[in-house]
PDB file of N, CA and C in Angstrom:
ATOM      1  N   MET A   1       0.818  -1.190   0.000  1.00  0.00           N
ATOM      2  CA  MET A   1       0.000   0.000   0.000  1.00  0.00           C
ATOM      3  C   MET A   1       0.860   1.251   0.000  1.00  0.00           C
ATOM      4  N   ALA A   2       1.972   1.202   0.739  1.00  0.00           N
ATOM      5  CA  ALA A   2       2.847   2.366   0.826  1.00  0.00           C
ATOM      6  C   ALA A   2       3.493   2.655  -0.524  1.00  0.00           C
ATOM      7  N   SER A   3       3.831   1.593  -1.274  1.00  0.00           N
ATOM      8  CA  SER A   3       4.449   1.803  -2.579  1.00  0.00           C
ATOM      9  C   SER A   3       3.450   2.424  -3.555  1.00  0.00           C
ATOM     10  N   LEU A   4       2.161   2.090  -3.424  1.00  0.00           N
ATOM     11  CA  LEU A   4       1.143   2.691  -4.275  1.00  0.00           C
ATOM     12  C   LEU A   4       1.005   4.177  -3.991  1.00  0.00           C
ATOM     13  N   ILE A   5       1.085   4.554  -2.723  1.00  0.00           N
ATOM     14  CA  ILE A   5       0.992   5.970  -2.350  1.00  0.00           C
ATOM     15  C   ILE A   5       2.211   6.725  -2.880  1.00  0.00           C
ATOM     16  N   ILE A   6       3.386   6.109  -2.760  1.00  0.00           N
ATOM     17  CA  ILE A   6       4.601   6.755  -3.290  1.00  0.00           C
ATOM     18  C   ILE A   6       4.498   6.893  -4.802  1.00  0.00           C
ATOM     19  N   PHE A   7       3.965   5.865  -5.477  1.00  0.00           N
ATOM     20  CA  PHE A   7       3.805   5.915  -6.928  1.00  0.00           C
ATOM     21  C   PHE A   7       2.843   7.025  -7.330  1.00  0.00           C
ATOM     22  N   LEU A   8       1.768   7.184  -6.591  1.00  0.00           N
ATOM     23  CA  LEU A   8       0.789   8.213  -6.933  1.00  0.00           C
ATOM     24  C   LEU A   8       1.313   9.614  -6.671  1.00  0.00           C
ATOM     25  N   LYS A   9       2.216   9.771  -5.716  1.00  0.00           N
ATOM     26  CA  LYS A   9       2.776  11.088  -5.407  1.00  0.00           C
ATOM     27  C   LYS A   9       3.971  11.427  -6.296  1.00  0.00           C
ATOM     28  N   SER A  10       4.442  10.483  -7.079  1.00  0.00           N
ATOM     29  CA  SER A  10       5.604  10.740  -7.926  1.00  0.00           C
ATOM     30  C   SER A  10       5.203  11.584  -9.135  1.00  0.00           C
ATOM     31  N   ASN A  11       6.158  11.875  -9.970  1.00  0.00           N
ATOM     32  CA  ASN A  11       5.938  12.723 -11.139  1.00  0.00           C
ATOM     33  C   ASN A  11       5.385  11.947 -12.327  1.00  0.00           C
ATOM     34  N   VAL A  12       4.945  10.722 -12.128  1.00  0.00           N
ATOM     35  CA  VAL A  12       4.393   9.907 -13.205  1.00  0.00           C
ATOM     36  C   VAL A  12       2.949  10.321 -13.419  1.00  0.00           C
ATOM     37  N   THR A  13       2.670  10.760 -14.639  1.00  0.00           N
ATOM     38  CA  THR A  13       1.308  11.184 -14.961  1.00  0.00           C
ATOM     39  C   THR A  13       0.676  10.166 -15.892  1.00  0.00           C
ATOM     40  N   LEU A  14      -0.607  10.338 -16.105  1.00  0.00           N
ATOM     41  CA  LEU A  14      -1.317   9.436 -17.001  1.00  0.00           C
ATOM     42  C   LEU A  14      -0.775   9.561 -18.419  1.00  0.00           C
ATOM     43  N   GLU A  15      -0.402  10.773 -18.834  1.00  0.00           N
ATOM     44  CA  GLU A  15       0.164  10.977 -20.174  1.00  0.00           C
ATOM     45  C   GLU A  15       1.459  10.196 -20.352  1.00  0.00           C
ATOM     46  N   SER A  16       2.325  10.223 -19.345  1.00  0.00           N
ATOM     47  CA  SER A  16       3.600   9.513 -19.464  1.00  0.00           C
ATOM     48  C   SER A  16       3.378   8.003 -19.500  1.00  0.00           C
ATOM     49  N   LEU A  17       2.390   7.491 -18.757  1.00  0.00           N
ATOM     50  CA  LEU A  17       2.097   6.069 -18.810  1.00  0.00           C
ATOM     51  C   LEU A  17       1.542   5.665 -20.175  1.00  0.00           C
ATOM     52  N   VAL A  18       0.687   6.501 -20.761  1.00  0.00           N
ATOM     53  CA  VAL A  18       0.137   6.212 -22.083  1.00  0.00           C
ATOM     54  C   VAL A  18       1.245   6.222 -23.130  1.00  0.00           C
ATOM     55  N   ILE A  19       2.139   7.199 -23.038  1.00  0.00           N
ATOM     56  CA  ILE A  19       3.250   7.275 -23.999  1.00  0.00           C
ATOM     57  C   ILE A  19       4.158   6.059 -23.861  1.00  0.00           C
ATOM     58  N   ALA A  20       4.449   5.642 -22.629  1.00  0.00           N
ATOM     59  CA  ALA A  20       5.298   4.465 -22.417  1.00  0.00           C
ATOM     60  C   ALA A  20       4.620   3.209 -22.955  1.00  0.00           C
ATOM     61  N   ALA A  21       3.335   3.046 -22.666  1.00  0.00           N
ATOM     62  CA  ALA A  21       2.619   1.858 -23.152  1.00  0.00           C
ATOM     63  C   ALA A  21       2.558   1.838 -24.674  1.00  0.00           C
ATOM     64  N   ALA A  22       2.310   2.999 -25.282  1.00  0.00           N
ATOM     65  CA  ALA A  22       2.273   3.063 -26.742  1.00  0.00           C
ATOM     66  C   ALA A  22       3.643   2.741 -27.330  1.00  0.00           C
ATOM     67  N   GLY A  23       4.698   3.218 -26.710  1.00  0.00           N
ATOM     68  CA  GLY A  23       6.051   2.926 -27.185  1.00  0.00           C
ATOM     69  C   GLY A  23       6.373   1.450 -27.118  1.00  0.00           C
ATOM     70  N   TYR A  24       6.048   0.834 -25.986  1.00  0.00           N
ATOM     71  CA  TYR A  24       6.285  -0.606 -25.856  1.00  0.00           C
ATOM     72  C   TYR A  24       5.464  -1.387 -26.875  1.00  0.00           C
ATOM     73  N   LEU A  25       4.234  -0.983 -27.076  1.00  0.00           N
ATOM     74  CA  LEU A  25       3.363  -1.672 -28.032  1.00  0.00           C
ATOM     75  C   LEU A  25       3.905  -1.548 -29.456  1.00  0.00           C
ATOM     76  N   ILE A  26       4.385  -0.372 -29.819  1.00  0.00           N
ATOM     77  CA  ILE A  26       4.938  -0.164 -31.156  1.00  0.00           C
ATOM     78  C   ILE A  26       6.184  -1.026 -31.364  1.00  0.00           C
ATOM     79  N   VAL A  27       7.080  -1.034 -30.378  1.00  0.00           N
ATOM     80  CA  VAL A  27       8.320  -1.807 -30.510  1.00  0.00           C
ATOM     81  C   VAL A  27       8.014  -3.304 -30.567  1.00  0.00           C
ATOM     82  N   PHE A  28       7.128  -3.779 -29.698  1.00  0.00           N
ATOM     83  CA  PHE A  28       6.786  -5.203 -29.700  1.00  0.00           C
ATOM     84  C   PHE A  28       6.131  -5.604 -31.018  1.00  0.00           C
ATOM     85  N   THR A  29       5.236  -4.767 -31.527  1.00  0.00           N
ATOM     86  CA  THR A  29       4.590  -5.057 -32.806  1.00  0.00           C
ATOM     87  C   THR A  29       5.616  -5.090 -33.940  1.00  0.00           C
ATOM     88  N   ALA A  30       6.546  -4.150 -33.925  1.00  0.00           N
ATOM     89  CA  ALA A  30       7.585  -4.123 -34.958  1.00  0.00           C
ATOM     90  C   ALA A  30       8.445  -5.386 -34.895  1.00  0.00           C
ATOM     91  N   LEU A  31       8.781  -5.837 -33.688  1.00  0.00           N
ATOM     92  CA  LEU A  31       9.588  -7.049 -33.562  1.00  0.00           C
ATOM     93  C   LEU A  31       8.828  -8.279 -34.064  1.00  0.00           C
ATOM     94  N   VAL A  32       7.543  -8.367 -33.765  1.00  0.00           N
ATOM     95  CA  VAL A  32       6.745  -9.493 -34.239  1.00  0.00           C
ATOM     96  C   VAL A  32       6.658  -9.473 -35.768  1.00  0.00           C
ATOM     97  N   LEU A  33       6.445  -8.286 -36.348  1.00  0.00           N
ATOM     98  CA  LEU A  33       6.366  -8.189 -37.805  1.00  0.00           C
ATOM     99  C   LEU A  33       7.697  -8.531 -38.469  1.00  0.00           C
ATOM    100  N   LEU A  34       8.800  -8.093 -37.869  1.00  0.00           N
ATOM    101  CA  LEU A  34      10.111  -8.444 -38.424  1.00  0.00           C
ATOM    102  C   LEU A  34      10.366  -9.940 -38.339  1.00  0.00           C
ATOM    103  N   PHE A  35       9.978 -10.554 -37.211  1.00  0.00           N
ATOM    104  CA  PHE A  35      10.130 -12.000 -37.088  1.00  0.00           C
ATOM    105  C   PHE A  35       9.309 -12.707 -38.153  1.00  0.00           C
ATOM    106  N   TRP A  36       8.084 -12.278 -38.341  1.00  0.00           N
ATOM    107  CA  TRP A  36       7.219 -12.898 -39.345  1.00  0.00           C
ATOM    108  C   TRP A  36       7.804 -12.722 -40.744  1.00  0.00           C
ATOM    109  N   PHE A  37       8.295 -11.519 -41.044  1.00  0.00           N
ATOM    110  CA  PHE A  37       8.859 -11.254 -42.368  1.00  0.00           C
ATOM    111  C   PHE A  37      10.069 -12.132 -42.629  1.00  0.00           C
ATOM    112  N   PHE A  38      11.007 -12.195 -41.670  1.00  0.00           N
ATOM    113  CA  PHE A  38      12.221 -12.969 -41.885  1.00  0.00           C
ATOM    114  C   PHE A  38      11.951 -14.471 -41.892  1.00  0.00           C
ATOM    115  N   SER A  39      10.905 -14.915 -41.232  1.00  0.00           N
ATOM    116  CA  SER A  39      10.583 -16.342 -41.314  1.00  0.00           C
ATOM    117  C   SER A  39       9.875 -16.679 -42.623  1.00  0.00           C
ATOM    118  N   MET A  40       9.252 -15.703 -43.273  1.00  0.00           N
ATOM    119  CA  MET A  40       8.559 -15.945 -44.533  1.00  0.00           C
ATOM    120  C   MET A  40       9.466 -15.807 -45.762  1.00  0.00           C
ATOM    121  N   VAL A  41      10.602 -15.156 -45.633  1.00  0.00           N
ATOM    122  CA  VAL A  41      11.483 -14.922 -46.781  1.00  0.00           C
ATOM    123  C   VAL A  41      11.919 -16.226 -47.450  1.00  0.00           C
ATOM    124  N   PRO A  42      12.400 -17.248 -46.720  1.00  0.00           N
ATOM    125  CA  PRO A  42      12.783 -18.486 -47.420  1.00  0.00           C
ATOM    126  C   PRO A  42      11.611 -19.141 -48.150  1.00  0.00           C
ATOM    127  N   LYS A  43      10.426 -19.063 -47.573  1.00  0.00           N
ATOM    128  CA  LYS A  43       9.260 -19.654 -48.232  1.00  0.00           C
ATOM    129  C   LYS A  43       8.919 -18.892 -49.509  1.00  0.00           C
ATOM    130  N   LEU A  44       9.037 -17.571 -49.470  1.00  0.00           N
ATOM    131  CA  LEU A  44       8.766 -16.776 -50.668  1.00  0.00           C
ATOM    132  C   LEU A  44       9.789 -17.047 -51.762  1.00  0.00           C
ATOM    133  N   ILE A  45      11.040 -17.219 -51.377  1.00  0.00           N
ATOM    134  CA  ILE A  45      12.079 -17.526 -52.366  1.00  0.00           C
ATOM    135  C   ILE A  45      11.817 -18.894 -52.992  1.00  0.00           C
ATOM    136  N   ALA A  46      11.464 -19.883 -52.166  1.00  0.00           N
ATOM    137  CA  ALA A  46      11.165 -21.217 -52.694  1.00  0.00           C
ATOM    138  C   ALA A  46       9.945 -21.177 -53.603  1.00  0.00           C
ATOM    139  N   LEU A  47       8.945 -20.374 -53.257  1.00  0.00           N
ATOM    140  CA  LEU A  47       7.759 -20.253 -54.098  1.00  0.00           C
ATOM    141  C   LEU A  47       8.117 -19.668 -55.463  1.00  0.00           C
ATOM    142  N   GLY A  48       9.007 -18.676 -55.460  1.00  0.00           N
ATOM    143  CA  GLY A  48       9.456 -18.109 -56.728  1.00  0.00           C
ATOM    144  C   GLY A  48      10.192 -19.120 -57.579  1.00  0.00           C
ATOM    145  N   LYS A  49      10.997 -19.967 -56.939  1.00  0.00           N
ATOM    146  CA  LYS A  49      11.721 -20.999 -57.689  1.00  0.00           C
ATOM    147  C   LYS A  49      10.762 -22.034 -58.263  1.00  0.00           C
ATOM    148  N   VAL A  50       9.729 -22.396 -57.490  1.00  0.00           N
ATOM    149  CA  VAL A  50       8.747 -23.372 -57.978  1.00  0.00           C
ATOM    150  C   VAL A  50       8.012 -22.805 -59.180  1.00  0.00           C
ATOM    151  N   LYS A  51       7.593 -21.545 -59.109  1.00  0.00           N
ATOM    152  CA  LYS A  51       6.889 -20.924 -60.240  1.00  0.00           C
ATOM    153  C   LYS A  51       7.781 -20.859 -61.472  1.00  0.00           C
ATOM    154  N   LYS A  52       9.057 -20.590 -61.270  1.00  0.00           N
ATOM    155  CA  LYS A  52       9.993 -20.532 -62.393  1.00  0.00           C
ATOM    156  C   LYS A  52      10.142 -21.909 -63.040  1.00  0.00           C
ATOM    157  N   ARG A  53      10.199 -22.960 -62.208  1.00  0.00           N
ATOM    158  CA  ARG A  53      10.319 -24.315 -62.752  1.00  0.00           C
ATOM    159  C   ARG A  53       9.055 -24.710 -63.510  1.00  0.00           C
ATOM    160  N   VAL A  54       7.882 -24.281 -63.033  1.00  0.00           N
ATOM    161  CA  VAL A  54       6.630 -24.598 -63.731  1.00  0.00           C
ATOM    162  C   VAL A  54       6.588 -23.899 -65.077  1.00  0.00           C
ATOM    163  N   ARG A  55       7.027 -22.633 -65.125  1.00  0.00           N
ATOM    164  CA  ARG A  55       7.058 -21.907 -66.397  1.00  0.00           C
ATOM    165  C   ARG A  55       7.993 -22.562 -67.400  1.00  0.00           C
ATOM    166  N   GLU A  56       9.102 -23.139 -66.907  1.00  0.00           N
ATOM    167  CA  GLU A  56      10.058 -23.790 -67.794  1.00  0.00           C
ATOM    168  C   GLU A  56       9.605 -25.190 -68.194  1.00  0.00           C
ATOM    169  N   GLY A  57       8.522 -25.690 -67.595  1.00  0.00           N
ATOM    170  CA  GLY A  57       8.006 -27.006 -67.943  1.00  0.00           C
ATOM    171  C   GLY A  57       8.633 -28.131 -67.156  1.00  0.00           C
ATOM    172  N   LYS A  58       9.379 -27.825 -66.117  1.00  0.00           N
ATOM    173  CA  LYS A  58      10.000 -28.843 -65.276  1.00  0.00           C
ATOM    174  C   LYS A  58       9.065 -29.167 -64.120  1.00  0.00           C
ATOM    175  N   PRO A  59       9.258 -30.308 -63.492  1.00  0.00           N
ATOM    176  CA  PRO A  59       8.412 -30.625 -62.327  1.00  0.00           C
ATOM    177  C   PRO A  59       8.705 -29.647 -61.179  1.00  0.00           C
ATOM    178  N   PRO A  60       7.679 -29.244 -60.426  1.00  0.00           N
ATOM    179  CA  PRO A  60       7.869 -28.213 -59.409  1.00  0.00           C
ATOM    180  C   PRO A  60       8.484 -28.708 -58.111  1.00  0.00           C
ATOM    181  N   VAL A  61       9.000 -29.913 -58.088  1.00  0.00           N
ATOM    182  CA  VAL A  61       9.555 -30.468 -56.857  1.00  0.00           C
ATOM    183  C   VAL A  61      10.982 -29.964 -56.689  1.00  0.00           C
ATOM    184  N   LEU A  62      11.238 -29.344 -55.562  1.00  0.00           N
ATOM    185  CA  LEU A  62      12.591 -28.895 -55.238  1.00  0.00           C
ATOM    186  C   LEU A  62      13.224 -29.887 -54.280  1.00  0.00           C
ATOM    187  N   VAL A  63      14.504 -30.173 -54.474  1.00  0.00           N
ATOM    188  CA  VAL A  63      15.230 -31.098 -53.610  1.00  0.00           C
ATOM    189  C   VAL A  63      15.708 -30.323 -52.392  1.00  0.00           C
ATOM    190  N   GLU A  64      15.377 -30.844 -51.221  1.00  0.00           N
ATOM    191  CA  GLU A  64      15.825 -30.212 -49.981  1.00  0.00           C
ATOM    192  C   GLU A  64      17.304 -30.524 -49.771  1.00  0.00           C
ATOM    193  N   ARG A  65      18.049 -29.532 -49.344  1.00  0.00           N
ATOM    194  CA  ARG A  65      19.463 -29.733 -49.059  1.00  0.00           C
ATOM    195  C   ARG A  65      19.614 -30.297 -47.657  1.00  0.00           C
ATOM    196  N   GLU A  66      20.647 -31.104 -47.500  1.00  0.00           N
ATOM    197  CA  GLU A  66      20.947 -31.626 -46.170  1.00  0.00           C
ATOM    198  C   GLU A  66      21.694 -30.562 -45.384  1.00  0.00           C
ATOM    199  N   ALA A  67      21.463 -30.517 -44.099  1.00  0.00           N
ATOM    200  CA  ALA A  67      22.139 -29.548 -43.244  1.00  0.00           C
ATOM    201  C   ALA A  67      23.600 -29.942 -43.073  1.00  0.00           C
ATOM    202  N   ILE A  68      24.460 -28.962 -43.034  1.00  0.00           N
ATOM    203  CA  ILE A  68      25.885 -29.211 -42.832  1.00  0.00           C
ATOM    204  C   ILE A  68      26.114 -29.380 -41.333  1.00  0.00           C
ATOM    205  N   SER A  69      26.879 -30.379 -40.972  1.00  0.00           N
ATOM    206  CA  SER A  69      27.112 -30.657 -39.552  1.00  0.00           C
ATOM    207  C   SER A  69      27.988 -29.571 -38.938  1.00  0.00           C
ATOM    208  N   GLY A  70      27.986 -29.519 -37.622  1.00  0.00           N
ATOM    209  CA  GLY A  70      28.790 -28.534 -36.903  1.00  0.00           C
ATOM    210  C   GLY A  70      30.276 -28.739 -37.109  1.00  0.00           C
ATOM    211  N   GLU A  71      30.694 -30.016 -37.197  1.00  0.00           N
ATOM    212  CA  GLU A  71      32.121 -30.310 -37.402  1.00  0.00           C
ATOM    213  C   GLU A  71      32.590 -29.810 -38.762  1.00  0.00           C
ATOM    214  N   ALA A  72      31.754 -30.000 -39.790  1.00  0.00           N
ATOM    215  CA  ALA A  72      32.114 -29.528 -41.130  1.00  0.00           C
ATOM    216  C   ALA A  72      32.175 -28.008 -41.166  1.00  0.00           C
ATOM    217  N   THR A  73      31.230 -27.357 -40.496  1.00  0.00           N
ATOM    218  CA  THR A  73      31.242 -25.897 -40.447  1.00  0.00           C
ATOM    219  C   THR A  73      32.488 -25.397 -39.738  1.00  0.00           C
ATOM    220  N   ALA A  74      32.872 -26.042 -38.644  1.00  0.00           N
ATOM    221  CA  ALA A  74      34.078 -25.646 -37.914  1.00  0.00           C
ATOM    222  C   ALA A  74      35.329 -25.858 -38.760  1.00  0.00           C
ATOM    223  N   ALA A  75      35.377 -26.956 -39.509  1.00  0.00           N
ATOM    224  CA  ALA A  75      36.541 -27.224 -40.360  1.00  0.00           C
ATOM    225  C   ALA A  75      36.653 -26.187 -41.475  1.00  0.00           C
ATOM    226  N   ILE A  76      35.526 -25.823 -42.071  1.00  0.00           N
ATOM    227  CA  ILE A  76      35.542 -24.803 -43.126  1.00  0.00           C
ATOM    228  C   ILE A  76      35.981 -23.462 -42.555  1.00  0.00           C
ATOM    229  N   ALA A  77      35.458 -23.105 -41.383  1.00  0.00           N
ATOM    230  CA  ALA A  77      35.827 -21.828 -40.761  1.00  0.00           C
ATOM    231  C   ALA A  77      37.312 -21.800 -40.424  1.00  0.00           C
ATOM    232  N   LEU A  78      37.854 -22.900 -39.905  1.00  0.00           N
ATOM    233  CA  LEU A  78      39.280 -22.966 -39.582  1.00  0.00           C
ATOM    234  C   LEU A  78      40.124 -22.853 -40.843  1.00  0.00           C
ATOM    235  N   ALA A  79      39.723 -23.536 -41.913  1.00  0.00           N
ATOM    236  CA  ALA A  79      40.479 -23.466 -43.165  1.00  0.00           C
ATOM    237  C   ALA A  79      40.474 -22.043 -43.717  1.00  0.00           C
ATOM    238  N   LEU A  80      39.318 -21.379 -43.682  1.00  0.00           N
ATOM    239  CA  LEU A  80      39.266 -19.993 -44.149  1.00  0.00           C
ATOM    240  C   LEU A  80      40.129 -19.084 -43.287  1.00  0.00           C
ATOM    241  N   HIS A  81      40.096 -19.281 -41.972  1.00  0.00           N
ATOM    242  CA  HIS A  81      40.905 -18.452 -41.073  1.00  0.00           C
ATOM    243  C   HIS A  81      42.395 -18.638 -41.362  1.00  0.00           C
ATOM    244  N   LEU A  82      42.831 -19.875 -41.509  1.00  0.00           N
ATOM    245  CA  LEU A  82      44.243 -20.123 -41.785  1.00  0.00           C
ATOM    246  C   LEU A  82      44.649 -19.557 -43.143  1.00  0.00           C
ATOM    247  N   TYR A  83      43.792 -19.690 -44.141  1.00  0.00           N
ATOM    248  CA  TYR A  83      44.109 -19.170 -45.466  1.00  0.00           C
ATOM    249  C   TYR A  83      44.199 -17.651 -45.452  1.00  0.00           C
ATOM    250  N   LEU A  84      43.225 -17.004 -44.835  1.00  0.00           N
ATOM    251  CA  LEU A  84      43.228 -15.545 -44.807  1.00  0.00           C
ATOM    252  C   LEU A  84      44.330 -14.998 -43.909  1.00  0.00           C
ATOM    253  N   ASP A  85      44.745 -15.766 -42.909  1.00  0.00           N
ATOM    254  CA  ASP A  85      45.837 -15.327 -42.043  1.00  0.00           C
ATOM    255  C   ASP A  85      47.165 -15.367 -42.787  1.00  0.00           C
ATOM    256  N   GLU A  86      47.325 -16.297 -43.730  1.00  0.00           N
ATOM    257  CA  GLU A  86      48.565 -16.371 -44.508  1.00  0.00           C
ATOM    258  C   GLU A  86      48.665 -15.238 -45.508  1.00  0.00           C
ATOM    259  N   ILE A  87      47.553 -14.722 -45.968  1.00  0.00           N
ATOM    260  CA  ILE A  87      47.564 -13.648 -46.954  1.00  0.00           C
ATOM    261  C   ILE A  87      48.104 -12.362 -46.345  1.00  0.00           C
ATOM    262  N   HIS A  88      47.831 -12.134 -45.081  1.00  0.00           N
ATOM    263  CA  HIS A  88      48.217 -10.880 -44.426  1.00  0.00           C
ATOM    264  C   HIS A  88      49.722 -10.799 -44.290  1.00  0.00           C
ATOM    265  N   ASP A  89      50.256  -9.610 -44.524  1.00  0.00           N
ATOM    266  CA  ASP A  89      51.686  -9.400 -44.377  1.00  0.00           C
ATOM    267  C   ASP A  89      52.065  -9.430 -42.903  1.00  0.00           C
ATOM    268  N   LYS A  90      53.203 -10.003 -42.618  1.00  0.00           N
ATOM    269  CA  LYS A  90      53.724  -9.999 -41.253  1.00  0.00           C
ATOM    270  C   LYS A  90      54.516  -8.717 -41.064  1.00  0.00           C
ATOM    271  N   GLU A  91      54.117  -7.942 -40.093  1.00  0.00           N
ATOM    272  CA  GLU A  91      54.781  -6.674 -39.837  1.00  0.00           C
ATOM    273  C   GLU A  91      55.907  -6.873 -38.832  1.00  0.00           C
ATOM    274  N   SER A  92      56.938  -6.045 -38.939  1.00  0.00           N
ATOM    275  CA  SER A  92      58.070  -6.178 -38.029  1.00  0.00           C
ATOM    276  C   SER A  92      57.772  -5.585 -36.662  1.00  0.00           C
ATOM    277  N   GLY A  93      56.875  -4.639 -36.574  1.00  0.00           N
ATOM    278  CA  GLY A  93      56.550  -4.026 -35.292  1.00  0.00           C
ATOM    279  C   GLY A  93      57.505  -2.921 -34.886  1.00  0.00           C
ATOM    280  N   VAL A  94      58.419  -2.511 -35.778  1.00  0.00           N
ATOM    281  CA  VAL A  94      59.381  -1.460 -35.470  1.00  0.00           C
ATOM    282  C   VAL A  94      58.894  -0.161 -36.105  1.00  0.00           C
ATOM    283  N   LEU A  95      58.783   0.879 -35.292  1.00  0.00           N
ATOM    284  CA  LEU A  95      58.391   2.185 -35.800  1.00  0.00           C
ATOM    285  C   LEU A  95      59.619   3.062 -35.960  1.00  0.00           C
ATOM    286  N   THR A  96      59.697   3.776 -37.062  1.00  0.00           N
ATOM    287  CA  THR A  96      60.791   4.701 -37.306  1.00  0.00           C
ATOM    288  C   THR A  96      60.216   6.096 -37.398  1.00  0.00           C
ATOM    289  N   ILE A  97      60.665   6.969 -36.521  1.00  0.00           N
ATOM    290  CA  ILE A  97      60.183   8.353 -36.512  1.00  0.00           C
ATOM    291  C   ILE A  97      61.347   9.248 -36.881  1.00  0.00           C
ATOM    292  N   LYS A  98      61.173   9.989 -37.942  1.00  0.00           N
ATOM    293  CA  LYS A  98      62.207  10.922 -38.375  1.00  0.00           C
ATOM    294  C   LYS A  98      61.684  12.336 -38.197  1.00  0.00           C
ATOM    295  N   ARG A  99      62.467  13.177 -37.569  1.00  0.00           N
ATOM    296  CA  ARG A  99      62.076  14.574 -37.404  1.00  0.00           C
ATOM    297  C   ARG A  99      62.538  15.358 -38.627  1.00  0.00           C
ATOM    298  N   ILE A 100      61.590  16.085 -39.208  1.00  0.00           N
ATOM    299  CA  ILE A 100      61.895  16.876 -40.389  1.00  0.00           C
ATOM    300  C   ILE A 100      61.668  18.337 -40.025  1.00  0.00           C
ATOM    301  N   SER A 101      62.693  19.164 -40.252  1.00  0.00           N
ATOM    302  CA  SER A 101      62.523  20.586 -39.962  1.00  0.00           C
ATOM    303  C   SER A 101      61.806  21.215 -41.150  1.00  0.00           C
ATOM    304  N   LYS A 102      60.707  21.894 -40.853  1.00  0.00           N
ATOM    305  CA  LYS A 102      59.924  22.517 -41.911  1.00  0.00           C
ATOM    306  C   LYS A 102      60.137  24.018 -41.872  1.00  0.00           C
ATOM    307  N   THR A 103      60.028  24.592 -43.019  1.00  0.00           N
ATOM    308  CA  THR A 103      60.106  26.047 -43.072  1.00  0.00           C
ATOM    309  C   THR A 103      58.794  26.628 -42.572  1.00  0.00           C
ATOM    310  N   TYR A 104      58.792  27.918 -42.323  1.00  0.00           N
ATOM    311  CA  TYR A 104      57.612  28.574 -41.781  1.00  0.00           C
ATOM    312  C   TYR A 104      56.464  28.512 -42.784  1.00  0.00           C
ATOM    313  N   SER A 105      55.275  28.192 -42.268  1.00  0.00           N
ATOM    314  CA  SER A 105      54.088  28.154 -43.093  1.00  0.00           C
ATOM    315  C   SER A 105      52.951  28.808 -42.320  1.00  0.00           C
ATOM    316  N   PRO A 106      52.239  29.754 -42.937  1.00  0.00           N
ATOM    317  CA  PRO A 106      51.150  30.397 -42.199  1.00  0.00           C
ATOM    318  C   PRO A 106      50.003  29.429 -41.882  1.00  0.00           C
ATOM    319  N   TRP A 107      49.954  28.302 -42.545  1.00  0.00           N
ATOM    320  CA  TRP A 107      48.903  27.328 -42.255  1.00  0.00           C
ATOM    321  C   TRP A 107      49.077  26.703 -40.886  1.00  0.00           C
ATOM    322  N   SER A 108      50.315  26.612 -40.418  1.00  0.00           N
ATOM    323  CA  SER A 108      50.556  26.001 -39.117  1.00  0.00           C
ATOM    324  C   SER A 108      50.757  27.038 -38.017  1.00  0.00           C
ATOM    325  N   SER A 109      50.601  28.295 -38.323  1.00  0.00           N
ATOM    326  CA  SER A 109      50.832  29.348 -37.345  1.00  0.00           C
ATOM    327  C   SER A 109      49.587  29.540 -36.482  1.00  0.00           C
ATOM    328  N   LYS A 110      49.785  29.567 -35.172  1.00  0.00           N
ATOM    329  CA  LYS A 110      48.673  29.710 -34.256  1.00  0.00           C
ATOM    330  C   LYS A 110      48.251  31.159 -34.051  1.00  0.00           C
ATOM    331  N   ILE A 111      49.066  32.088 -34.415  1.00  0.00           N
ATOM    332  CA  ILE A 111      48.709  33.485 -34.134  1.00  0.00           C
ATOM    333  C   ILE A 111      47.524  33.950 -34.977  1.00  0.00           C
ATOM    334  N   TYR A 112      47.274  33.281 -36.102  1.00  0.00           N
ATOM    335  CA  TYR A 112      46.135  33.652 -36.924  1.00  0.00           C
ATOM    336  C   TYR A 112      44.836  33.002 -36.446  1.00  0.00           C
ATOM    337  N   ALA A 113      44.968  31.909 -35.704  1.00  0.00           N
ATOM    338  CA  ALA A 113      43.792  31.185 -35.261  1.00  0.00           C
ATOM    339  C   ALA A 113      43.347  31.573 -33.858  1.00  0.00           C
ATOM    340  N   VAL A 114      44.269  32.019 -33.024  1.00  0.00           N
ATOM    341  CA  VAL A 114      43.949  32.326 -31.627  1.00  0.00           C
ATOM    342  C   VAL A 114      43.620  33.805 -31.516  1.00  0.00           C
ATOM    343  N   ARG A 115      42.432  34.086 -31.029  1.00  0.00           N
ATOM    344  CA  ARG A 115      42.032  35.471 -30.807  1.00  0.00           C
ATOM    345  C   ARG A 115      41.729  35.637 -29.337  1.00  0.00           C
ATOM    346  N   ASN A 116      42.323  36.624 -28.734  1.00  0.00           N
ATOM    347  CA  ASN A 116      42.097  36.870 -27.323  1.00  0.00           C
ATOM    348  C   ASN A 116      40.877  37.768 -27.202  1.00  0.00           C
ATOM    349  N   GLN A 117      39.759  37.216 -26.755  1.00  0.00           N
ATOM    350  CA  GLN A 117      38.507  37.961 -26.664  1.00  0.00           C
ATOM    351  C   GLN A 117      38.501  38.928 -25.485  1.00  0.00           C
ATOM    352  N   PHE A 118      39.347  38.694 -24.479  1.00  0.00           N
ATOM    353  CA  PHE A 118      39.316  39.522 -23.282  1.00  0.00           C
ATOM    354  C   PHE A 118      39.967  40.884 -23.497  1.00  0.00           C
ATOM    355  N   ASN A 119      40.809  41.034 -24.493  1.00  0.00           N
ATOM    356  CA  ASN A 119      41.437  42.326 -24.754  1.00  0.00           C
ATOM    357  C   ASN A 119      40.459  43.316 -25.385  1.00  0.00           C
ATOM    358  N   ARG A 120      39.363  42.858 -25.890  1.00  0.00           N
ATOM    359  CA  ARG A 120      38.386  43.723 -26.557  1.00  0.00           C
ATOM    360  C   ARG A 120      37.461  44.405 -25.567  1.00  0.00           C
ATOM    361  N   LEU A 121      37.441  43.975 -24.334  1.00  0.00           N
ATOM    362  CA  LEU A 121      36.525  44.539 -23.352  1.00  0.00           C
ATOM    363  C   LEU A 121      36.868  45.920 -23.005  1.00  0.00           C
TER     364      LEU A 121
END
């Protein structure tokens, strides 16, 4: 009961609760629609392939692919990693810094960029 009294005395108004509920409802609805869309994409692609096969006069039966096992996926990923790692150049890790004396350039001069605003008072 005490928490209800504290809640009623807080700065939470009916407008803020309606806005929060509407926001949650919009986000939840968007997530459900995105889930539905992404789950329907493979079916739509397969439907397009079936229609294409019917137009070409072939039987509309598509052969289902077998799933690749986890071990095969890991082996392929390891092979790609090792191959791409060999392509990269091996760096020596040594940095060489040479100081070059430059002639005066107004582009690097700070006196043109710094203005003292307090002297104008």
